[in-house]
Amino acid sequence: MNNNRPITTIQVVAVVVSTIIGIGILSIPRYMAEAGDSGAPLVSASGIPVAFLGCWFTAAVCRKFPNETLFVFSR
C-alpha cells in the first residue's frame, strides 16, 4: 500500500473548512443543554444515537472502499 499521491489544494481547503465548522459544532451540546433546562440529560442522551449513526455510516463507506481515501470516495 504505497500511495504517494499528493493532496490537492481543494482537498486541503475541504479539510480546513470542515475543521472550522466542526469546532463550531462542538458548542452545540452546551447550547442544547441550556435550552433543555431540566431535560438536559434527555437531550444529551438523544444525541448519542445520532452520533453513532454518523460514525456507522462513515465506517460502512470505508469498508465498501477499503483501498480508497476519504477524499477519493467522497466525490
Protein backbone atom coordinates (compact mmCIF):
# COMPACT_ATOMS: atom_id res chain seq x y z
CA MET A 1 0.00 0.00 0.00
CA ASN A 2 2.47 2.56 -1.24
CA ASN A 3 0.29 5.50 -2.22
CA ASN A 4 2.31 8.67 -2.81
CA ARG A 5 -0.32 10.87 -4.43
CA PRO A 6 -0.15 14.46 -3.17
CA ILE A 7 -3.10 16.21 -1.58
CA THR A 8 -4.62 18.79 -3.88
CA THR A 9 -5.45 22.36 -2.94
CA ILE A 10 -9.18 21.63 -2.97
CA GLN A 11 -8.68 18.75 -0.55
CA VAL A 12 -6.73 20.97 1.85
CA VAL A 13 -9.44 23.63 1.67
CA ALA A 14 -12.08 20.97 2.40
CA VAL A 15 -10.18 19.78 5.47
CA VAL A 16 -9.67 23.29 6.82
CA VAL A 17 -13.29 24.32 6.26
CA SER A 18 -14.67 21.13 7.82
CA THR A 19 -12.34 21.60 10.81
CA ILE A 20 -13.58 25.15 11.34
CA ILE A 21 -17.21 24.02 11.08
CA GLY A 22 -16.50 21.08 13.40
CA ILE A 23 -15.11 23.34 16.10
CA GLY A 24 -18.27 25.46 15.91
CA ILE A 25 -20.43 22.35 16.19
CA LEU A 26 -18.66 21.30 19.41
CA SER A 27 -20.51 24.05 21.31
CA ILE A 28 -23.96 22.86 20.21
CA PRO A 29 -24.43 20.31 23.05
CA ARG A 30 -23.91 23.04 25.63
CA TYR A 31 -26.47 25.30 23.97
CA MET A 32 -28.93 22.41 23.72
CA ALA A 33 -28.45 21.53 27.39
CA GLU A 34 -29.07 25.15 28.39
CA ALA A 35 -32.20 25.27 26.24
CA GLY A 36 -33.42 21.91 27.55
CA ASP A 37 -33.15 23.06 31.17
CA SER A 38 -34.30 20.11 33.30
CA GLY A 39 -34.45 17.89 30.20
CA ALA A 40 -30.73 18.32 29.53
CA PRO A 41 -29.86 14.66 30.23
CA LEU A 42 -32.51 13.55 27.73
CA VAL A 43 -31.22 16.00 25.14
CA SER A 44 -27.67 14.76 25.66
CA ALA A 45 -28.71 11.10 25.57
CA SER A 46 -30.66 11.60 22.34
CA GLY A 47 -27.52 12.94 20.67
CA ILE A 48 -25.65 9.68 21.23
CA PRO A 49 -27.65 7.64 18.67
CA VAL A 50 -27.32 10.45 16.14
CA ALA A 51 -23.53 10.49 16.55
CA PHE A 52 -23.44 6.69 16.41
CA LEU A 53 -25.34 6.68 13.10
CA GLY A 54 -22.88 9.15 11.59
CA CYS A 55 -19.91 7.04 12.70
CA TRP A 56 -21.58 3.85 11.47
CA PHE A 57 -22.25 5.39 8.04
CA THR A 58 -18.66 6.54 7.70
CA ALA A 59 -17.36 3.12 8.73
CA ALA A 60 -19.69 1.38 6.27
CA VAL A 61 -18.46 3.53 3.40
CA CYS A 62 -14.84 2.95 4.42
CA ARG A 63 -15.46 -0.82 4.41
CA LYS A 64 -17.02 -0.59 0.95
CA PHE A 65 -13.96 1.21 -0.47
CA PRO A 66 -11.02 -0.23 1.55
CA ASN A 67 -8.26 0.92 -0.81
CA GLU A 68 -9.52 4.47 -1.24
CA THR A 69 -9.01 7.55 0.90
CA LEU A 70 -11.85 9.62 2.30
CA PHE A 71 -11.21 12.31 -0.30
CA VAL A 72 -11.38 9.88 -3.20
CA PHE A 73 -14.65 8.14 -2.37
CA SER A 74 -16.38 11.29 -1.09
CA ARG A 75 -16.56 12.68 -4.61
